[in-house]
Amino acid sequence: VDHKMASSSTADDSVCIADDDSLLVGECEDMCPAAEQAMRVGAELVSPFERIGSTLVCVKQYQRPNALNSRPEPPAVRTPAALERTTQHLLGDVLPRFAATHSLPSVVDFVA
C-alpha cells in the first residue's frame, strides 16, 4: 500500500499507525478541533448544516492526507468518545432536522 499512514485494525479513527510504526492517539474531545473551527469561521467555510438557529455546531471536515499533511497532530484527531458524539449528532440531529427542509442528497453528502 502506497500510503503515508494507514489505519490500525481498531474500530475507531483515533488511533493510527504511521510509516514508522508509531501510534497516533487522538486528543480532541470536540466534534471539530478549535483551530479548524476558527479557520473555517474566518474563511466563511461553515456549512448551513452546522448552524442550528444561532448556535454554531461545527463537525470536522474530511481532509485527504497529502505529502504536506500526511500525519495529523494528536490535538486534531478526535478521541473515540468524540467520534461517538459526532456520529450521534450527525445521525440523530442533523439528518432528521434538515432532511425535511433541504434536499436529501445535500444532507446525506454533509453527513457522509
Protein backbone atom coordinates (compact mmCIF):
# COMPACT_ATOMS: atom_id res chain seq x y z
CA VAL A 1 0.00 0.00 0.00
CA ASP A 2 1.41 3.35 -1.01
CA HIS A 3 0.07 5.46 1.87
CA LYS A 4 1.98 7.51 4.41
CA MET A 5 -0.44 6.48 7.15
CA ALA A 6 -2.79 3.52 7.39
CA SER A 7 -5.48 2.96 9.97
CA SER A 8 -4.80 0.32 12.53
CA SER A 9 -7.13 -2.62 12.94
CA THR A 10 -9.09 -0.84 15.68
CA ALA A 11 -12.67 0.22 15.06
CA ASP A 12 -12.08 3.95 15.51
CA ASP A 13 -10.15 6.66 13.71
CA SER A 14 -8.46 7.97 16.83
CA VAL A 15 -5.54 5.53 16.64
CA CYS A 16 -3.41 5.37 13.52
CA ILE A 17 -0.14 3.66 12.68
CA ALA A 18 2.30 5.74 10.69
CA ASP A 19 5.16 4.62 8.44
CA ASP A 20 7.49 4.47 11.41
CA ASP A 21 5.04 2.21 13.32
CA SER A 22 4.44 4.88 15.95
CA LEU A 23 0.91 5.22 17.26
CA LEU A 24 -1.06 8.41 16.87
CA VAL A 25 -3.66 8.73 19.62
CA GLY A 26 -6.39 11.31 19.22
CA GLU A 27 -6.70 14.04 21.86
CA CYS A 28 -9.56 16.20 20.55
CA GLU A 29 -12.76 15.86 22.61
CA ASP A 30 -14.75 18.19 20.33
CA MET A 31 -16.61 17.37 17.13
CA CYS A 32 -14.30 19.84 15.39
CA PRO A 33 -10.85 20.89 16.61
CA ALA A 34 -10.77 24.53 17.75
CA ALA A 35 -8.08 25.51 15.22
CA GLU A 36 -10.08 24.10 12.31
CA GLN A 37 -13.29 25.72 13.53
CA ALA A 38 -11.60 29.12 13.84
CA MET A 39 -10.10 28.78 10.36
CA ARG A 40 -13.42 27.75 8.81
CA VAL A 41 -15.38 30.52 10.54
CA GLY A 42 -12.80 33.11 9.45
CA ALA A 43 -12.81 31.82 5.86
CA GLU A 44 -16.62 31.55 5.85
CA LEU A 45 -16.46 27.79 5.20
CA VAL A 46 -19.14 26.80 7.70
CA SER A 47 -21.91 24.64 6.25
CA PRO A 48 -25.54 25.65 6.79
CA PHE A 49 -25.92 22.21 8.39
CA GLU A 50 -23.53 23.34 11.14
CA ARG A 51 -25.86 26.15 12.22
CA ILE A 52 -28.75 25.29 14.47
CA GLY A 53 -30.56 28.59 14.93
CA SER A 54 -27.88 31.00 16.10
CA THR A 55 -25.73 28.17 17.51
CA LEU A 56 -22.66 27.01 15.62
CA VAL A 57 -22.06 23.23 15.85
CA CYS A 58 -19.03 22.51 13.65
CA VAL A 59 -18.06 19.00 12.59
CA LYS A 60 -14.52 18.23 11.45
CA GLN A 61 -14.27 18.21 7.67
CA TYR A 62 -12.67 15.29 5.89
CA GLN A 63 -9.22 16.15 4.57
CA ARG A 64 -7.38 13.69 2.39
CA PRO A 65 -3.77 13.31 3.53
CA ASN A 66 -1.10 14.58 1.17
CA ALA A 67 2.66 14.94 1.23
CA LEU A 68 2.43 18.13 3.29
CA ASN A 69 0.00 16.94 5.96
CA SER A 70 0.22 13.17 5.89
CA ARG A 71 0.33 12.81 9.68
CA PRO A 72 -2.12 14.88 11.71
CA GLU A 73 -1.18 16.17 15.13
CA PRO A 74 -2.90 14.44 18.09
CA PRO A 75 -4.95 17.57 19.02
CA ALA A 76 -6.52 17.45 15.53
CA VAL A 77 -7.58 13.79 15.86
CA ARG A 78 -10.81 13.04 17.72
CA THR A 79 -11.00 10.56 20.57
CA PRO A 80 -13.36 7.56 20.39
CA ALA A 81 -15.82 9.41 22.66
CA ALA A 82 -15.73 12.49 20.39
CA LEU A 83 -16.28 10.28 17.34
CA GLU A 84 -19.29 8.68 19.02
CA ARG A 85 -20.78 12.09 19.92
CA THR A 86 -20.18 13.29 16.37
CA THR A 87 -21.91 10.26 14.88
CA GLN A 88 -24.86 10.70 17.27
CA HIS A 89 -25.09 14.38 16.32
CA LEU A 90 -24.97 13.72 12.57
CA LEU A 91 -27.44 10.83 12.53
CA GLY A 92 -29.66 11.85 15.43
CA ASP A 93 -29.84 15.62 14.96
CA VAL A 94 -28.56 16.87 11.59
CA LEU A 95 -30.13 14.22 9.37
CA PRO A 96 -33.66 14.38 10.82
CA ARG A 97 -33.58 18.18 11.36
CA PHE A 98 -32.54 19.14 7.84
CA ALA A 99 -33.95 16.27 5.75
CA ALA A 100 -37.38 17.95 5.74
CA THR A 101 -36.11 21.37 4.67
CA HIS A 102 -33.19 20.58 2.35
CA SER A 103 -32.63 18.14 -0.49
CA LEU A 104 -31.85 14.70 0.88
CA PRO A 105 -28.70 14.32 -1.31
CA SER A 106 -27.25 17.55 0.13
CA VAL A 107 -27.91 16.44 3.73
CA VAL A 108 -26.51 12.97 3.07
CA ASP A 109 -23.45 14.50 1.38
CA PHE A 110 -22.77 16.54 4.52
CA VAL A 111 -23.40 13.67 6.91
CA ALA A 112 -21.30 11.23 4.90
